PDB file of N, CA and C in Angstrom:
ATOM      1  N   MET A   1     -43.700 179.882  65.374  1.00  0.00           N
ATOM      2  CA  MET A   1     -42.496 179.065  65.518  1.00  0.00           C
ATOM      3  C   MET A   1     -42.308 178.686  66.977  1.00  0.00           C
ATOM      4  N   SER A   2     -41.980 177.445  67.224  1.00  0.00           N
ATOM      5  CA  SER A   2     -41.726 176.983  68.584  1.00  0.00           C
ATOM      6  C   SER A   2     -40.399 177.527  69.070  1.00  0.00           C
ATOM      7  N   SER A   3     -40.244 177.495  70.361  1.00  0.00           N
ATOM      8  CA  SER A   3     -38.947 177.846  70.927  1.00  0.00           C
ATOM      9  C   SER A   3     -38.485 176.673  71.776  1.00  0.00           C
ATOM     10  N   LEU A   4     -37.259 176.727  72.199  1.00  0.00           N
ATOM     11  CA  LEU A   4     -36.725 175.640  73.004  1.00  0.00           C
ATOM     12  C   LEU A   4     -37.375 175.573  74.375  1.00  0.00           C
ATOM     13  N   SER A   5     -38.119 176.584  74.750  1.00  0.00           N
ATOM     14  CA  SER A   5     -38.699 176.606  76.090  1.00  0.00           C
ATOM     15  C   SER A   5     -40.052 175.912  76.174  1.00  0.00           C
ATOM     16  N   ASN A   6     -40.564 175.355  75.082  1.00  0.00           N
ATOM     17  CA  ASN A   6     -41.861 174.678  75.170  1.00  0.00           C
ATOM     18  C   ASN A   6     -41.902 173.364  74.386  1.00  0.00           C
ATOM     19  N   ILE A   7     -40.823 172.591  74.460  1.00  0.00           N
ATOM     20  CA  ILE A   7     -40.735 171.308  73.773  1.00  0.00           C
ATOM     21  C   ILE A   7     -40.992 170.199  74.793  1.00  0.00           C
ATOM     22  N   THR A   8     -41.878 169.276  74.437  1.00  0.00           N
ATOM     23  CA  THR A   8     -42.151 168.147  75.333  1.00  0.00           C
ATOM     24  C   THR A   8     -41.235 166.973  74.984  1.00  0.00           C
ATOM     25  N   GLY A   9     -41.166 166.024  75.891  1.00  0.00           N
ATOM     26  CA  GLY A   9     -40.386 164.819  75.639  1.00  0.00           C
ATOM     27  C   GLY A   9     -40.898 164.056  74.441  1.00  0.00           C
ATOM     28  N   GLN A  10     -42.217 164.035  74.261  1.00  0.00           N
ATOM     29  CA  GLN A  10     -42.805 163.324  73.123  1.00  0.00           C
ATOM     30  C   GLN A  10     -42.377 163.941  71.792  1.00  0.00           C
ATOM     31  N   GLU A  11     -42.311 165.273  71.736  1.00  0.00           N
ATOM     32  CA  GLU A  11     -41.867 165.942  70.500  1.00  0.00           C
ATOM     33  C   GLU A  11     -40.413 165.602  70.202  1.00  0.00           C
ATOM     34  N   LEU A  12     -39.589 165.588  71.237  1.00  0.00           N
ATOM     35  CA  LEU A  12     -38.178 165.258  71.053  1.00  0.00           C
ATOM     36  C   LEU A  12     -38.026 163.806  70.600  1.00  0.00           C
ATOM     37  N   ILE A  13     -38.823 162.910  71.153  1.00  0.00           N
ATOM     38  CA  ILE A  13     -38.765 161.501  70.760  1.00  0.00           C
ATOM     39  C   ILE A  13     -39.122 161.340  69.288  1.00  0.00           C
ATOM     40  N   LYS A  14     -40.160 162.015  68.822  1.00  0.00           N
ATOM     41  CA  LYS A  14     -40.526 161.948  67.403  1.00  0.00           C
ATOM     42  C   LYS A  14     -39.367 162.403  66.530  1.00  0.00           C
ATOM     43  N   PHE A  15     -38.674 163.469  66.968  1.00  0.00           N
ATOM     44  CA  PHE A  15     -37.555 163.998  66.196  1.00  0.00           C
ATOM     45  C   PHE A  15     -36.399 163.002  66.148  1.00  0.00           C
ATOM     46  N   VAL A  16     -35.987 162.441  67.293  1.00  0.00           N
ATOM     47  CA  VAL A  16     -34.826 161.544  67.286  1.00  0.00           C
ATOM     48  C   VAL A  16     -35.121 160.269  66.500  1.00  0.00           C
ATOM     49  N   ILE A  17     -36.363 159.827  66.487  1.00  0.00           N
ATOM     50  CA  ILE A  17     -36.722 158.669  65.656  1.00  0.00           C
ATOM     51  C   ILE A  17     -36.604 159.034  64.177  1.00  0.00           C
ATOM     52  N   SER A  18     -36.994 160.262  63.833  1.00  0.00           N
ATOM     53  CA  SER A  18     -36.929 160.692  62.430  1.00  0.00           C
ATOM     54  C   SER A  18     -35.503 160.815  61.910  1.00  0.00           C
ATOM     55  N   ILE A  19     -34.527 160.971  62.799  1.00  0.00           N
ATOM     56  CA  ILE A  19     -33.129 161.070  62.352  1.00  0.00           C
ATOM     57  C   ILE A  19     -32.371 159.748  62.520  1.00  0.00           C
ATOM     58  N   GLY A  20     -33.092 158.677  62.798  1.00  0.00           N
ATOM     59  CA  GLY A  20     -32.460 157.364  62.782  1.00  0.00           C
ATOM     60  C   GLY A  20     -32.246 156.675  64.107  1.00  0.00           C
ATOM     61  N   TYR A  21     -32.641 157.274  65.209  1.00  0.00           N
ATOM     62  CA  TYR A  21     -32.511 156.601  66.494  1.00  0.00           C
ATOM     63  C   TYR A  21     -33.600 155.546  66.633  1.00  0.00           C
ATOM     64  N   LYS A  22     -33.281 154.478  67.321  1.00  0.00           N
ATOM     65  CA  LYS A  22     -34.229 153.389  67.554  1.00  0.00           C
ATOM     66  C   LYS A  22     -34.502 153.274  69.055  1.00  0.00           C
ATOM     67  N   PHE A  23     -35.768 153.035  69.387  1.00  0.00           N
ATOM     68  CA  PHE A  23     -36.147 152.818  70.773  1.00  0.00           C
ATOM     69  C   PHE A  23     -35.564 151.491  71.225  1.00  0.00           C
ATOM     70  N   GLU A  24     -34.853 151.512  72.357  1.00  0.00           N
ATOM     71  CA  GLU A  24     -34.261 150.276  72.865  1.00  0.00           C
ATOM     72  C   GLU A  24     -35.039 149.738  74.057  1.00  0.00           C
ATOM     73  N   ARG A  25     -35.280 150.592  75.045  1.00  0.00           N
ATOM     74  CA  ARG A  25     -36.001 150.132  76.229  1.00  0.00           C
ATOM     75  C   ARG A  25     -36.469 151.321  77.040  1.00  0.00           C
ATOM     76  N   GLN A  26     -37.299 151.032  78.027  1.00  0.00           N
ATOM     77  CA  GLN A  26     -37.750 152.053  78.966  1.00  0.00           C
ATOM     78  C   GLN A  26     -37.425 151.545  80.363  1.00  0.00           C
ATOM     79  N   ASN A  27     -36.915 152.438  81.205  1.00  0.00           N
ATOM     80  CA  ASN A  27     -36.640 152.013  82.571  1.00  0.00           C
ATOM     81  C   ASN A  27     -37.951 151.931  83.343  1.00  0.00           C
ATOM     82  N   LYS A  28     -37.887 151.681  84.625  1.00  0.00           N
ATOM     83  CA  LYS A  28     -39.104 151.532  85.418  1.00  0.00           C
ATOM     84  C   LYS A  28     -39.912 152.819  85.484  1.00  0.00           C
ATOM     85  N   GLY A  29     -39.263 153.937  85.291  1.00  0.00           N
ATOM     86  CA  GLY A  29     -39.949 155.225  85.312  1.00  0.00           C
ATOM     87  C   GLY A  29     -40.370 155.635  83.919  1.00  0.00           C
ATOM     88  N   ASN A  30     -40.213 156.914  83.629  1.00  0.00           N
ATOM     89  CA  ASN A  30     -40.641 157.448  82.337  1.00  0.00           C
ATOM     90  C   ASN A  30     -39.478 157.828  81.426  1.00  0.00           C
ATOM     91  N   HIS A  31     -38.314 157.288  81.655  1.00  0.00           N
ATOM     92  CA  HIS A  31     -37.170 157.604  80.811  1.00  0.00           C
ATOM     93  C   HIS A  31     -37.007 156.522  79.759  1.00  0.00           C
ATOM     94  N   ARG A  32     -36.912 156.962  78.505  1.00  0.00           N
ATOM     95  CA  ARG A  32     -36.766 156.024  77.395  1.00  0.00           C
ATOM     96  C   ARG A  32     -35.349 156.117  76.842  1.00  0.00           C
ATOM     97  N   ILE A  33     -34.803 154.975  76.474  1.00  0.00           N
ATOM     98  CA  ILE A  33     -33.435 154.895  75.982  1.00  0.00           C
ATOM     99  C   ILE A  33     -33.482 154.616  74.488  1.00  0.00           C
ATOM    100  N   PHE A  34     -32.736 155.443  73.735  1.00  0.00           N
ATOM    101  CA  PHE A  34     -32.668 155.321  72.279  1.00  0.00           C
ATOM    102  C   PHE A  34     -31.219 155.102  71.872  1.00  0.00           C
ATOM    103  N   VAL A  35     -31.022 154.310  70.814  1.00  0.00           N
ATOM    104  CA  VAL A  35     -29.674 154.025  70.320  1.00  0.00           C
ATOM    105  C   VAL A  35     -29.599 154.348  68.835  1.00  0.00           C
ATOM    106  N   HIS A  36     -28.374 154.653  68.397  1.00  0.00           N
ATOM    107  CA  HIS A  36     -28.085 154.919  66.989  1.00  0.00           C
ATOM    108  C   HIS A  36     -26.758 154.246  66.695  1.00  0.00           C
ATOM    109  N   ASN A  37     -26.562 153.800  65.472  1.00  0.00           N
ATOM    110  CA  ASN A  37     -25.354 153.047  65.138  1.00  0.00           C
ATOM    111  C   ASN A  37     -24.063 153.780  65.472  1.00  0.00           C
ATOM    112  N   ASN A  38     -23.935 155.056  65.086  1.00  0.00           N
ATOM    113  CA  ASN A  38     -22.663 155.743  65.278  1.00  0.00           C
ATOM    114  C   ASN A  38     -22.766 156.948  66.199  1.00  0.00           C
ATOM    115  N   LYS A  39     -23.782 157.045  67.002  1.00  0.00           N
ATOM    116  CA  LYS A  39     -23.911 158.194  67.894  1.00  0.00           C
ATOM    117  C   LYS A  39     -24.132 157.723  69.321  1.00  0.00           C
ATOM    118  N   LYS A  40     -24.155 158.691  70.238  1.00  0.00           N
ATOM    119  CA  LYS A  40     -24.345 158.389  71.651  1.00  0.00           C
ATOM    120  C   LYS A  40     -25.719 157.793  71.935  1.00  0.00           C
ATOM    121  N   ILE A  41     -25.797 157.050  73.021  1.00  0.00           N
ATOM    122  CA  ILE A  41     -27.082 156.580  73.525  1.00  0.00           C
ATOM    123  C   ILE A  41     -27.793 157.772  74.151  1.00  0.00           C
ATOM    124  N   LEU A  42     -29.090 157.899  73.890  1.00  0.00           N
ATOM    125  CA  LEU A  42     -29.865 159.008  74.453  1.00  0.00           C
ATOM    126  C   LEU A  42     -30.848 158.493  75.491  1.00  0.00           C
ATOM    127  N   VAL A  43     -30.971 159.239  76.580  1.00  0.00           N
ATOM    128  CA  VAL A  43     -31.988 158.970  77.588  1.00  0.00           C
ATOM    129  C   VAL A  43     -32.908 160.189  77.599  1.00  0.00           C
ATOM    130  N   ILE A  44     -34.177 159.962  77.286  1.00  0.00           N
ATOM    131  CA  ILE A  44     -35.124 161.071  77.162  1.00  0.00           C
ATOM    132  C   ILE A  44     -36.282 160.858  78.128  1.00  0.00           C
ATOM    133  N   PRO A  45     -36.560 161.838  78.985  1.00  0.00           N
ATOM    134  CA  PRO A  45     -37.743 161.731  79.837  1.00  0.00           C
ATOM    135  C   PRO A  45     -38.988 161.881  78.974  1.00  0.00           C
ATOM    136  N   ALA A  46     -39.939 160.979  79.129  1.00  0.00           N
ATOM    137  CA  ALA A  46     -41.085 160.933  78.223  1.00  0.00           C
ATOM    138  C   ALA A  46     -42.409 161.185  78.933  1.00  0.00           C
ATOM    139  N   TYR A  47     -42.464 162.206  79.737  1.00  0.00           N
ATOM    140  CA  TYR A  47     -43.721 162.553  80.388  1.00  0.00           C
ATOM    141  C   TYR A  47     -44.662 163.111  79.328  1.00  0.00           C
ATOM    142  N   LYS A  48     -45.952 162.794  79.436  1.00  0.00           N
ATOM    143  CA  LYS A  48     -46.895 163.137  78.362  1.00  0.00           C
ATOM    144  C   LYS A  48     -46.908 164.612  78.003  1.00  0.00           C
ATOM    145  N   LYS A  49     -47.151 165.475  78.967  1.00  0.00           N
ATOM    146  CA  LYS A  49     -47.299 166.894  78.635  1.00  0.00           C
ATOM    147  C   LYS A  49     -46.286 167.785  79.338  1.00  0.00           C
ATOM    148  N   LYS A  50     -45.300 167.193  79.965  1.00  0.00           N
ATOM    149  CA  LYS A  50     -44.316 167.977  80.698  1.00  0.00           C
ATOM    150  C   LYS A  50     -43.283 168.569  79.736  1.00  0.00           C
ATOM    151  N   ILE A  51     -43.008 169.837  79.912  1.00  0.00           N
ATOM    152  CA  ILE A  51     -42.040 170.545  79.076  1.00  0.00           C
ATOM    153  C   ILE A  51     -40.626 170.212  79.558  1.00  0.00           C
ATOM    154  N   LEU A  52     -39.734 169.940  78.603  1.00  0.00           N
ATOM    155  CA  LEU A  52     -38.335 169.680  78.948  1.00  0.00           C
ATOM    156  C   LEU A  52     -37.648 170.981  79.336  1.00  0.00           C
ATOM    157  N   LYS A  53     -36.772 170.911  80.311  1.00  0.00           N
ATOM    158  CA  LYS A  53     -36.001 172.097  80.681  1.00  0.00           C
ATOM    159  C   LYS A  53     -35.024 172.407  79.556  1.00  0.00           C
ATOM    160  N   LYS A  54     -34.803 173.687  79.371  1.00  0.00           N
ATOM    161  CA  LYS A  54     -33.988 174.155  78.251  1.00  0.00           C
ATOM    162  C   LYS A  54     -32.573 173.574  78.288  1.00  0.00           C
ATOM    163  N   GLY A  55     -31.975 173.496  79.460  1.00  0.00           N
ATOM    164  CA  GLY A  55     -30.619 172.964  79.583  1.00  0.00           C
ATOM    165  C   GLY A  55     -30.530 171.500  79.184  1.00  0.00           C
ATOM    166  N   LEU A  56     -31.523 170.716  79.583  1.00  0.00           N
ATOM    167  CA  LEU A  56     -31.564 169.301  79.218  1.00  0.00           C
ATOM    168  C   LEU A  56     -31.716 169.147  77.710  1.00  0.00           C
ATOM    169  N   LEU A  57     -32.625 169.905  77.125  1.00  0.00           N
ATOM    170  CA  LEU A  57     -32.855 169.843  75.683  1.00  0.00           C
ATOM    171  C   LEU A  57     -31.597 170.253  74.916  1.00  0.00           C
ATOM    172  N   CYS A  58     -30.957 171.326  75.338  1.00  0.00           N
ATOM    173  CA  CYS A  58     -29.729 171.775  74.664  1.00  0.00           C
ATOM    174  C   CYS A  58     -28.626 170.721  74.774  1.00  0.00           C
ATOM    175  N   GLY A  59     -28.538 170.064  75.923  1.00  0.00           N
ATOM    176  CA  GLY A  59     -27.544 169.000  76.101  1.00  0.00           C
ATOM    177  C   GLY A  59     -27.789 167.822  75.180  1.00  0.00           C
ATOM    178  N   ILE A  60     -29.049 167.439  75.031  1.00  0.00           N
ATOM    179  CA  ILE A  60     -29.384 166.328  74.135  1.00  0.00           C
ATOM    180  C   ILE A  60     -29.081 166.703  72.687  1.00  0.00           C
ATOM    181  N   LEU A  61     -29.440 167.924  72.297  1.00  0.00           N
ATOM    182  CA  LEU A  61     -29.152 168.361  70.922  1.00  0.00           C
ATOM    183  C   LEU A  61     -27.648 168.393  70.662  1.00  0.00           C
ATOM    184  N   LYS A  62     -26.887 168.806  71.659  1.00  0.00           N
ATOM    185  CA  LYS A  62     -25.426 168.833  71.526  1.00  0.00           C
ATOM    186  C   LYS A  62     -24.884 167.409  71.362  1.00  0.00           C
ATOM    187  N   ASP A  63     -25.425 166.475  72.146  1.00  0.00           N
ATOM    188  CA  ASP A  63     -24.980 165.080  72.062  1.00  0.00           C
ATOM    189  C   ASP A  63     -25.223 164.485  70.679  1.00  0.00           C
ATOM    190  N   ILE A  64     -26.339 164.845  70.046  1.00  0.00           N
ATOM    191  CA  ILE A  64     -26.628 164.275  68.726  1.00  0.00           C
ATOM    192  C   ILE A  64     -26.079 165.126  67.586  1.00  0.00           C
ATOM    193  N   GLY A  65     -25.507 166.291  67.914  1.00  0.00           N
ATOM    194  CA  GLY A  65     -24.862 167.116  66.899  1.00  0.00           C
ATOM    195  C   GLY A  65     -25.817 167.882  66.007  1.00  0.00           C
ATOM    196  N   ILE A  66     -26.956 168.268  66.538  1.00  0.00           N
ATOM    197  CA  ILE A  66     -27.949 169.023  65.770  1.00  0.00           C
ATOM    198  C   ILE A  66     -28.010 170.451  66.307  1.00  0.00           C
ATOM    199  N   PRO A  67     -27.801 171.458  65.451  1.00  0.00           N
ATOM    200  CA  PRO A  67     -27.933 172.847  65.910  1.00  0.00           C
ATOM    201  C   PRO A  67     -29.377 173.155  66.317  1.00  0.00           C
ATOM    202  N   LYS A  68     -29.531 174.063  67.271  1.00  0.00           N
ATOM    203  CA  LYS A  68     -30.862 174.422  67.777  1.00  0.00           C
ATOM    204  C   LYS A  68     -31.779 174.894  66.659  1.00  0.00           C
ATOM    205  N   ALA A  69     -31.272 175.719  65.761  1.00  0.00           N
ATOM    206  CA  ALA A  69     -32.094 176.263  64.665  1.00  0.00           C
ATOM    207  C   ALA A  69     -32.596 175.144  63.754  1.00  0.00           C
ATOM    208  N   GLU A  70     -31.737 174.171  63.465  1.00  0.00           N
ATOM    209  CA  GLU A  70     -32.131 173.056  62.603  1.00  0.00           C
ATOM    210  C   GLU A  70     -33.223 172.220  63.286  1.00  0.00           C
ATOM    211  N   PHE A  71     -33.077 172.013  64.582  1.00  0.00           N
ATOM    212  CA  PHE A  71     -34.095 171.269  65.336  1.00  0.00           C
ATOM    213  C   PHE A  71     -35.421 171.985  65.302  1.00  0.00           C
ATOM    214  N   LEU A  72     -35.413 173.298  65.563  1.00  0.00           N
ATOM    215  CA  LEU A  72     -36.662 174.060  65.573  1.00  0.00           C
ATOM    216  C   LEU A  72     -37.322 174.081  64.203  1.00  0.00           C
ATOM    217  N   ASN A  73     -36.534 174.178  63.140  1.00  0.00           N
ATOM    218  CA  ASN A  73     -37.095 174.141  61.781  1.00  0.00           C
ATOM    219  C   ASN A  73     -37.715 172.787  61.460  1.00  0.00           C
ATOM    220  N   SER A  74     -37.116 171.730  61.958  1.00  0.00           N
ATOM    221  CA  SER A  74     -37.598 170.392  61.617  1.00  0.00           C
ATOM    222  C   SER A  74     -38.869 170.000  62.363  1.00  0.00           C
ATOM    223  N   ILE A  75     -39.145 170.602  63.510  1.00  0.00           N
ATOM    224  CA  ILE A  75     -40.374 170.239  64.236  1.00  0.00           C
ATOM    225  C   ILE A  75     -41.544 171.113  63.842  1.00  0.00           C
ATOM    226  N   ASN A  76     -41.319 172.099  63.014  1.00  0.00           N
ATOM    227  CA  ASN A  76     -42.422 172.969  62.562  1.00  0.00           C
ATOM    228  C   ASN A  76     -42.956 172.521  61.239  1.00  0.00           C
TER     229      ASN A  76
END
């Protein structure tokens, strides 16, 4: 089972797309912006193999209203 300490931006992007977020644009760097009809806009750093910091990941999960356990179950 994965833990929150080894999730990459790419894994998080796959998850947010699976729950209905749509890719809107990418800034000049590696941050991608996703939108959803009734939820907050998400900005996700999309470095290929870089692990997201736990605080950033927890903040994003809180913004989209997904409990940590549900997120971990869905990516496995």
